[in-house]
Amino acid sequence: MGERLTTGEICTREVTIAFRRTTINGAARLMRENHVGCLVVVDEVGGLRTVVGMLTDRDIVTAVVAADLVPATLCVEDVMSIDLIVAREDDSLIDLVRSMRRKGVRRIPVVGAQNELIGIATLDDVLDILSEELSLLVTAIGSEGKRERQLRSSVSRLAA
């Protein structure tokens, strides 16, 4: 990990995907089987998977279940969010957080130089990194206090 933490370094590389024509029932099964709350919807073009949308468990609940629609008659493309943002693999952690805040989302697909799907960055990923950094800061503060106590103890012995 470099000094400038990038989105590519923190994202989850194993992404559960769906295609536009995946049924809503099939998408819900994928979410259950993979213990995820969203699917990145992709088109496969020239061997690359490009991001075309996102489908969340909330999308299914609000657009299908709450609207009394029949899930078996719908495909992912009928319900997915297409107004999405992606993060570039080399975007900074700060850029990622700003994008999440600006868009009001917890998950952002991460793409490479050819707009191919690389991974997904989540608010949980960001919180893991920040908690690790905060833990290091707390340890540094504790070490400083210990060092100062040892120094004062040595000075006190010399004065005696």
Protein backbone atom coordinates (compact mmCIF):
# COMPACT_ATOMS: atom_id res chain seq x y z
CA MET A 1 0.00 0.00 0.00
CA GLY A 2 1.45 3.35 -1.05
CA GLU A 3 1.30 6.66 0.77
CA ARG A 4 -1.61 7.74 -1.42
CA LEU A 5 -4.23 5.09 -0.85
CA THR A 6 -6.18 4.38 -4.03
CA THR A 7 -9.65 3.05 -4.61
CA GLY A 8 -8.12 0.08 -6.44
CA GLU A 9 -6.18 -0.86 -3.31
CA ILE A 10 -9.20 -0.94 -1.03
CA CYS A 11 -11.94 -2.24 -3.30
CA THR A 12 -13.26 -5.78 -3.17
CA ARG A 13 -12.15 -7.57 -6.32
CA GLU A 14 -14.67 -10.39 -6.12
CA VAL A 15 -17.87 -8.79 -7.35
CA THR A 16 -21.22 -10.48 -7.71
CA ILE A 17 -22.56 -9.47 -11.11
CA ALA A 18 -25.75 -9.76 -13.09
CA PHE A 19 -26.62 -9.15 -16.70
CA ARG A 20 -29.47 -6.98 -17.94
CA ARG A 21 -31.62 -10.00 -18.82
CA THR A 22 -31.13 -11.77 -15.48
CA THR A 23 -34.55 -12.25 -13.90
CA ILE A 24 -35.35 -10.44 -10.67
CA ASN A 25 -35.85 -13.82 -8.99
CA GLY A 26 -32.43 -14.90 -10.26
CA ALA A 27 -30.88 -11.65 -9.03
CA ALA A 28 -32.42 -12.12 -5.58
CA ARG A 29 -31.03 -15.67 -5.46
CA LEU A 30 -27.56 -14.38 -6.41
CA MET A 31 -27.74 -11.87 -3.57
CA ARG A 32 -28.80 -14.54 -1.09
CA GLU A 33 -26.22 -17.11 -2.24
CA ASN A 34 -23.37 -14.59 -2.18
CA HIS A 35 -24.51 -12.72 0.96
CA VAL A 36 -24.49 -9.35 -0.80
CA GLY A 37 -26.92 -6.46 -0.91
CA CYS A 38 -26.20 -5.39 -4.46
CA LEU A 39 -25.24 -6.65 -7.87
CA VAL A 40 -23.16 -4.78 -10.40
CA VAL A 41 -24.93 -5.06 -13.74
CA VAL A 42 -22.57 -5.54 -16.67
CA ASP A 43 -22.47 -5.98 -20.40
CA GLU A 44 -19.79 -8.27 -21.75
CA VAL A 45 -18.13 -6.70 -24.78
CA GLY A 46 -14.91 -7.95 -26.33
CA GLY A 47 -14.14 -10.06 -23.28
CA LEU A 48 -14.47 -7.06 -20.93
CA ARG A 49 -17.27 -6.56 -18.46
CA THR A 50 -18.42 -2.94 -18.52
CA VAL A 51 -20.67 -1.49 -15.85
CA VAL A 52 -24.15 -0.51 -17.02
CA GLY A 53 -26.07 -0.39 -13.75
CA MET A 54 -26.53 -1.46 -10.15
CA LEU A 55 -29.28 -3.46 -8.52
CA THR A 56 -29.72 -3.39 -4.76
CA ASP A 57 -31.94 -5.35 -2.46
CA ARG A 58 -33.64 -2.04 -1.73
CA ASP A 59 -34.38 -1.61 -5.46
CA ILE A 60 -36.16 -4.96 -5.45
CA VAL A 61 -38.16 -4.12 -2.35
CA THR A 62 -39.21 -0.62 -3.38
CA ALA A 63 -39.68 -1.08 -7.14
CA VAL A 64 -41.03 -4.62 -7.24
CA VAL A 65 -42.37 -5.90 -3.92
CA ALA A 66 -43.87 -2.62 -2.66
CA ALA A 67 -45.40 -1.98 -6.09
CA ASP A 68 -47.05 -5.43 -6.07
CA LEU A 69 -45.30 -6.42 -9.30
CA VAL A 70 -44.57 -10.05 -10.16
CA PRO A 71 -40.79 -10.57 -9.85
CA ALA A 72 -40.78 -13.54 -12.24
CA THR A 73 -41.96 -11.28 -15.07
CA LEU A 74 -39.20 -8.69 -14.65
CA CYS A 75 -35.52 -8.53 -15.56
CA VAL A 76 -32.71 -6.66 -13.87
CA GLU A 77 -32.74 -3.96 -16.55
CA ASP A 78 -36.37 -3.16 -15.63
CA VAL A 79 -35.39 -2.20 -12.09
CA MET A 80 -31.64 -1.39 -11.99
CA SER A 81 -30.26 2.06 -11.33
CA ILE A 82 -28.62 3.50 -14.39
CA ASP A 83 -27.87 6.91 -12.92
CA LEU A 84 -24.68 5.71 -11.28
CA ILE A 85 -21.15 6.80 -10.83
CA VAL A 86 -18.03 4.73 -11.04
CA ALA A 87 -14.65 5.22 -9.44
CA ARG A 88 -11.40 4.85 -11.32
CA GLU A 89 -8.93 2.35 -9.98
CA ASP A 90 -6.38 5.12 -9.33
CA ASP A 91 -8.82 7.55 -7.63
CA SER A 92 -7.78 8.50 -4.12
CA LEU A 93 -9.66 7.40 -1.03
CA ILE A 94 -10.73 11.01 -0.54
CA ASP A 95 -12.11 11.16 -4.10
CA LEU A 96 -14.07 7.98 -3.40
CA VAL A 97 -15.58 9.32 -0.18
CA ARG A 98 -16.48 12.61 -1.85
CA SER A 99 -18.25 10.72 -4.65
CA MET A 100 -20.17 8.59 -2.15
CA ARG A 101 -21.24 11.66 -0.20
CA ARG A 102 -22.17 13.70 -3.29
CA LYS A 103 -24.25 10.87 -4.77
CA GLY A 104 -25.60 9.56 -1.44
CA VAL A 105 -24.48 5.97 -2.06
CA ARG A 106 -22.66 3.32 -0.03
CA ARG A 107 -21.30 1.29 -2.95
CA ILE A 108 -19.46 2.33 -6.10
CA PRO A 109 -18.18 0.08 -8.90
CA VAL A 110 -14.47 0.48 -9.62
CA VAL A 111 -13.31 0.45 -13.24
CA GLY A 112 -9.97 0.21 -15.01
CA ALA A 113 -8.48 2.12 -17.92
CA GLN A 114 -10.86 0.55 -20.47
CA ASN A 115 -13.93 1.05 -18.24
CA GLU A 116 -13.83 -2.64 -17.36
CA LEU A 117 -15.13 -3.76 -13.97
CA ILE A 118 -12.27 -4.11 -11.48
CA GLY A 119 -14.14 -4.30 -8.20
CA ILE A 120 -16.56 -2.58 -5.89
CA ALA A 121 -15.73 -0.07 -3.17
CA THR A 122 -18.10 0.12 -0.24
CA LEU A 123 -18.53 2.37 2.74
CA ASP A 124 -17.60 -0.68 4.84
CA ASP A 125 -14.25 -0.85 3.00
CA VAL A 126 -13.64 2.82 3.76
CA LEU A 127 -14.58 2.39 7.43
CA ASP A 128 -12.21 -0.60 7.75
CA ILE A 129 -9.33 1.50 6.42
CA LEU A 130 -10.18 4.49 8.60
CA SER A 131 -10.51 2.35 11.73
CA GLU A 132 -7.09 0.84 11.02
CA GLU A 133 -5.60 4.31 10.59
CA LEU A 134 -7.26 5.55 13.80
CA SER A 135 -5.95 2.53 15.66
CA LEU A 136 -2.42 3.36 14.50
CA LEU A 137 -2.89 6.94 15.72
CA VAL A 138 -4.10 5.76 19.12
CA THR A 139 -1.09 3.45 19.40
CA ALA A 140 1.23 6.34 18.50
CA ILE A 141 -0.32 8.53 21.18
CA GLY A 142 0.03 5.73 23.74
CA SER A 143 3.67 5.19 22.78
CA GLU A 144 4.39 8.88 23.23
CA GLY A 145 3.00 8.80 26.78
CA LYS A 146 4.99 5.68 27.63
CA ARG A 147 8.19 7.25 26.25
CA GLU A 148 7.60 10.42 28.27
CA ARG A 149 7.03 8.43 31.50
CA GLN A 150 10.25 6.48 30.92
CA LEU A 151 12.18 9.68 30.25
CA ARG A 152 10.83 11.38 33.41
CA SER A 153 11.57 8.27 35.44
CA SER A 154 15.19 8.28 34.19
CA VAL A 155 15.57 11.99 34.96
CA SER A 156 14.10 11.45 38.47
CA ARG A 157 16.64 8.67 39.18
CA LEU A 158 19.50 10.87 38.03
CA ALA A 159 18.33 13.73 40.24
CA ALA A 160 18.20 11.46 43.31
